[in-house]
Protein backbone atom coordinates (compact mmCIF):
# COMPACT_ATOMS: atom_id res chain seq x y z
CA MET A 1 -20.76 -43.15 -27.07
CA SER A 2 -17.69 -42.87 -29.29
CA PHE A 3 -15.25 -39.98 -29.46
CA ASN A 4 -16.85 -38.76 -32.72
CA ASP A 5 -20.30 -38.71 -31.13
CA ILE A 6 -19.07 -36.18 -28.60
CA PHE A 7 -18.19 -33.67 -31.30
CA LYS A 8 -21.52 -34.25 -33.11
CA SER A 9 -23.38 -32.66 -30.20
CA SER A 10 -25.07 -29.49 -31.34
CA PHE A 11 -24.89 -26.16 -29.54
CA LEU A 12 -28.60 -26.24 -28.74
CA GLU A 13 -28.32 -29.67 -27.13
CA ASN A 14 -25.55 -28.42 -24.89
CA VAL A 15 -27.56 -25.37 -23.89
CA SER A 16 -30.57 -27.54 -23.05
CA GLU A 17 -28.52 -29.16 -20.26
CA PHE A 18 -27.93 -25.78 -18.68
CA SER A 19 -29.71 -25.26 -15.34
CA ILE A 20 -30.36 -21.71 -14.23
CA LEU A 21 -31.30 -22.79 -10.71
CA ASP A 22 -28.07 -24.77 -10.19
CA THR A 23 -26.04 -21.86 -11.52
CA VAL A 24 -27.70 -19.35 -9.22
CA LEU A 25 -27.31 -21.61 -6.19
CA GLY A 26 -23.68 -22.31 -6.99
CA LEU A 27 -22.78 -18.66 -7.53
CA ALA A 28 -24.67 -17.65 -4.38
CA ALA A 29 -22.74 -20.24 -2.36
CA ALA A 30 -19.47 -19.06 -3.93
CA LEU A 31 -20.33 -15.46 -3.05
CA VAL A 32 -21.06 -16.33 0.58
CA ILE A 33 -17.87 -18.36 0.97
CA GLY A 34 -15.86 -15.71 -0.89
CA LEU A 35 -17.13 -13.04 1.52
CA PHE A 36 -16.24 -15.35 4.42
CA ILE A 37 -12.70 -15.70 3.06
CA PHE A 38 -12.64 -11.91 2.64
CA MET A 39 -13.55 -11.37 6.31
CA VAL A 40 -11.00 -13.93 7.55
CA TYR A 41 -8.32 -12.19 5.48
CA LYS A 42 -9.15 -8.84 7.11
CA LYS A 43 -9.15 -10.34 10.62
CA THR A 44 -5.83 -12.16 10.18
CA LEU A 45 -4.01 -9.31 8.45
CA THR A 46 -0.67 -8.94 10.23
CA GLY A 47 0.58 -5.87 8.39
CA VAL A 48 -0.58 -2.28 8.64
CA LEU A 49 -1.35 -1.73 4.96
CA TYR A 50 -4.62 -3.30 3.85
CA SER A 51 -4.93 -4.26 0.19
CA SER A 52 -8.59 -3.86 -0.80
CA GLY A 53 -7.77 -5.03 -4.32
CA PHE A 54 -6.39 -8.36 -3.10
CA ALA A 55 -9.35 -8.85 -0.75
CA LEU A 56 -11.79 -8.23 -3.62
CA THR A 57 -9.80 -10.68 -5.74
CA LEU A 58 -10.54 -13.45 -3.23
CA VAL A 59 -14.29 -12.99 -3.72
CA GLY A 60 -14.05 -12.68 -7.49
CA LEU A 61 -11.75 -15.69 -7.76
CA ALA A 62 -14.25 -17.93 -5.99
CA LEU A 63 -17.05 -16.78 -8.29
CA VAL A 64 -15.06 -17.09 -11.51
CA THR A 65 -13.69 -20.52 -10.61
CA THR A 66 -17.18 -21.76 -9.77
CA LEU A 67 -18.49 -20.56 -13.12
CA VAL A 68 -15.63 -22.18 -15.03
CA ILE A 69 -15.95 -25.53 -13.26
CA MET A 70 -19.71 -25.57 -13.86
CA ALA A 71 -19.11 -25.12 -17.58
CA VAL A 72 -16.35 -27.72 -17.68
CA THR A 73 -18.31 -30.41 -15.82
CA SER A 74 -21.35 -30.01 -18.07
CA ASN A 75 -19.52 -30.35 -21.40
CA VAL A 76 -16.57 -32.58 -22.21
CA VAL A 77 -15.71 -30.68 -25.40
CA LEU A 78 -15.69 -27.38 -23.54
CA SER A 79 -13.45 -28.85 -20.86
CA LEU A 80 -10.82 -29.75 -23.48
CA GLY A 81 -10.88 -26.23 -24.89
CA MET A 82 -10.78 -24.69 -21.41
CA VAL A 83 -7.64 -26.63 -20.51
CA GLY A 84 -5.92 -25.34 -23.63
CA ALA A 85 -7.05 -21.76 -23.02
CA LEU A 86 -5.98 -21.68 -19.38
CA SER A 87 -2.60 -23.19 -20.18
CA ILE A 88 -1.48 -19.91 -21.79
CA VAL A 89 -2.50 -17.74 -18.84
CA ARG A 90 0.36 -16.41 -16.72
CA PHE A 91 -0.06 -14.62 -13.40
CA ARG A 92 2.80 -12.32 -12.44
CA THR A 93 1.30 -10.40 -9.52
CA ALA A 94 3.79 -10.14 -6.66
CA ILE A 95 2.77 -11.78 -3.40
CA LYS A 96 3.69 -9.54 -0.47
CA GLU A 97 3.04 -12.09 2.28
CA PRO A 98 3.42 -15.88 2.06
CA VAL A 99 0.06 -16.34 3.80
CA GLU A 100 -1.66 -14.65 0.84
CA ILE A 101 -0.95 -17.81 -1.19
CA VAL A 102 -3.12 -19.74 1.29
CA PHE A 103 -6.06 -17.40 0.70
CA LEU A 104 -5.64 -17.60 -3.09
CA PHE A 105 -5.65 -21.41 -3.07
CA TRP A 106 -8.54 -21.35 -0.58
CA SER A 107 -10.66 -19.28 -2.99
CA LEU A 108 -9.68 -21.51 -5.91
CA ALA A 109 -10.44 -24.71 -3.99
CA ALA A 110 -13.81 -23.37 -2.82
CA GLY A 111 -14.75 -22.43 -6.37
CA ILE A 112 -13.73 -25.85 -7.73
CA VAL A 113 -15.65 -27.76 -5.07
CA ILE A 114 -18.78 -25.62 -5.46
CA GLY A 115 -18.61 -25.85 -9.25
CA ALA A 116 -18.44 -29.63 -8.93
CA GLY A 117 -21.72 -29.55 -6.98
CA MET A 118 -20.29 -30.38 -3.54
CA ILE A 119 -21.53 -27.27 -1.73
CA PRO A 120 -21.70 -28.90 1.76
CA LEU A 121 -18.04 -29.92 1.44
CA ALA A 122 -17.08 -26.38 0.49
CA ILE A 123 -18.98 -24.93 3.48
CA ILE A 124 -17.59 -27.40 6.03
CA GLY A 125 -14.05 -27.12 4.69
CA SER A 126 -14.13 -23.30 4.58
CA VAL A 127 -15.48 -23.07 8.13
CA MET A 128 -12.72 -25.33 9.45
CA ILE A 129 -10.00 -23.46 7.54
CA GLY A 130 -11.41 -20.12 8.71
CA ILE A 131 -11.40 -21.20 12.36
CA ILE A 132 -7.80 -22.38 12.10
CA MET A 133 -6.69 -19.15 10.41
CA LEU A 134 -8.47 -17.01 13.02
CA LEU A 135 -6.97 -18.98 15.91
CA PHE A 136 -3.38 -18.90 14.70
CA GLY A 137 -3.30 -15.97 12.26
CA ASN A 138 -2.84 -13.18 14.80
CA ARG A 139 -1.11 -15.24 17.47
CA ARG A 140 2.29 -13.84 18.31
CA ILE A 141 4.66 -15.99 20.26
CA HIS A 142 7.44 -13.40 20.53
CA ASN A 143 7.73 -9.66 20.36
CA ASN A 144 8.48 -8.18 16.98
CA PRO A 145 12.22 -8.03 16.21
CA TYR A 146 13.91 -4.74 15.38
CA ILE A 147 17.12 -3.63 13.74
CA LEU A 148 19.03 -0.83 15.46
CA VAL A 149 21.65 1.08 13.48
CA LEU A 150 24.05 3.26 15.48
CA ASN A 151 26.69 5.70 14.24
CA ILE A 152 29.12 6.27 17.09
CA GLN A 153 32.55 7.81 17.55
CA ASP A 154 34.65 5.23 19.36
CA GLU A 155 34.72 1.95 21.26
CA LYS A 156 33.96 3.58 24.62
CA VAL A 157 30.71 4.99 23.33
CA GLU A 158 29.90 1.58 21.87
CA GLY A 159 30.25 -0.01 25.32
CA ASN A 160 27.91 2.56 26.88
CA ALA A 161 25.29 1.97 24.18
CA LEU A 162 25.43 -1.81 24.57
CA THR A 163 25.07 -1.43 28.34
CA ILE A 164 21.79 0.42 27.89
CA LEU A 165 20.63 -2.22 25.40
CA GLU A 166 21.41 -5.04 27.81
CA LYS A 167 19.24 -3.43 30.50
CA SER A 168 16.39 -2.29 28.23
CA VAL A 169 15.69 -5.11 25.76
CA GLU A 170 14.82 -8.78 26.09
CA GLN A 171 17.75 -9.92 23.94
CA TYR A 172 20.07 -8.55 21.30
CA ILE A 173 22.85 -9.64 19.00
CA VAL A 174 25.35 -7.61 17.01
CA LYS A 175 24.76 -8.41 13.33
CA ALA A 176 27.34 -6.12 11.74
CA LYS A 177 30.07 -3.68 12.75
CA THR A 178 31.82 -1.31 10.36
CA VAL A 179 34.87 0.62 11.58
CA GLN A 180 35.93 3.69 9.57
CA ASN A 181 38.01 6.77 10.15
CA ALA A 182 34.83 8.77 10.67
CA GLY A 183 33.57 6.41 13.38
CA ILE A 184 31.82 3.09 13.94
CA GLU A 185 28.55 1.88 12.44
CA LEU A 186 26.87 -0.79 14.54
CA THR A 187 23.92 -2.93 13.40
CA VAL A 188 22.09 -4.78 16.18
CA GLU A 189 19.12 -7.15 16.00
CA LEU A 190 16.99 -7.02 19.14
CA ARG A 191 13.65 -7.88 20.73
CA THR A 192 11.95 -5.45 23.09
CA LYS A 193 10.52 -6.40 26.47
CA ASP A 194 7.21 -4.54 26.31
CA ALA A 195 7.22 -2.95 22.83
CA SER A 196 8.77 0.16 24.34
CA THR A 197 11.35 2.01 22.22
CA SER A 198 12.34 4.73 24.69
CA PHE A 199 15.78 3.15 25.05
CA VAL A 200 16.66 4.55 21.62
CA ASN A 201 16.27 8.07 23.02
CA ARG A 202 18.57 7.27 25.94
CA ILE A 203 21.19 5.82 23.59
CA HIS A 204 21.03 8.92 21.39
CA GLU A 205 21.63 11.11 24.47
CA ILE A 206 25.01 9.43 25.07
CA PRO A 207 27.85 11.79 24.11
CA GLY A 208 29.48 10.45 20.98
CA VAL A 209 26.35 8.89 19.43
CA GLU A 210 25.73 10.76 16.20
CA ASN A 211 22.43 9.09 15.30
CA ALA A 212 20.33 6.04 16.16
CA VAL A 213 17.85 4.43 13.76
CA LEU A 214 15.36 1.71 14.79
CA VAL A 215 13.40 -0.18 12.12
CA SER A 216 10.92 -3.06 12.33
CA TYR A 217 12.22 -6.36 11.03
CA ASN A 218 10.39 -9.66 10.45
CA GLY A 219 13.24 -11.78 9.16
CA GLU A 220 12.42 -11.16 5.47
CA TYR A 221 12.33 -7.41 4.99
CA MET A 222 12.60 -4.21 6.97
CA SER A 223 9.87 -1.62 7.20
């Protein structure tokens, strides 16, 4: 078959190669795997805020990718046009967590493999990835770090506050210290021993401590 013969194919001939059964089976498999990815995402969510829109995107992405790959693999001419159409698409949605990229590529890969007709490979691969994500997704090696911001009057009060910190937390390090005429602002990164934050109350009770603010910190942003 020459290159010109490809473009001589009629629309009806292309449609005659379409299999409803294969399409239904492929989309059903993509739906099942997409729902599996959806459940793994919910189980491994490390934050407090759950994004239902992103979770639904994982299911839809697997279905849409499967449909596109089925169309591309059944028609060479359509595949050339699809490459040109997708090349102008730009996604600018902000990714809140780096692990969300894994789930996006997982959904895309599952859709591509299913669309190519390798459903067993998609099932086996998704099960293995899901097990790994469930085993290591919620595993925490250390306690969550915190940032403590203190506004104090003088150096003596600073020593008293650091003494309480040394006895109450697992470890701490002074990240910043600002000395002004109005007092001292101290920024301390710390890790708690048992997730208890009662030491902040004891520090605030020290005479000369104007206020004490404790915020959660994961190394990338504070919340």
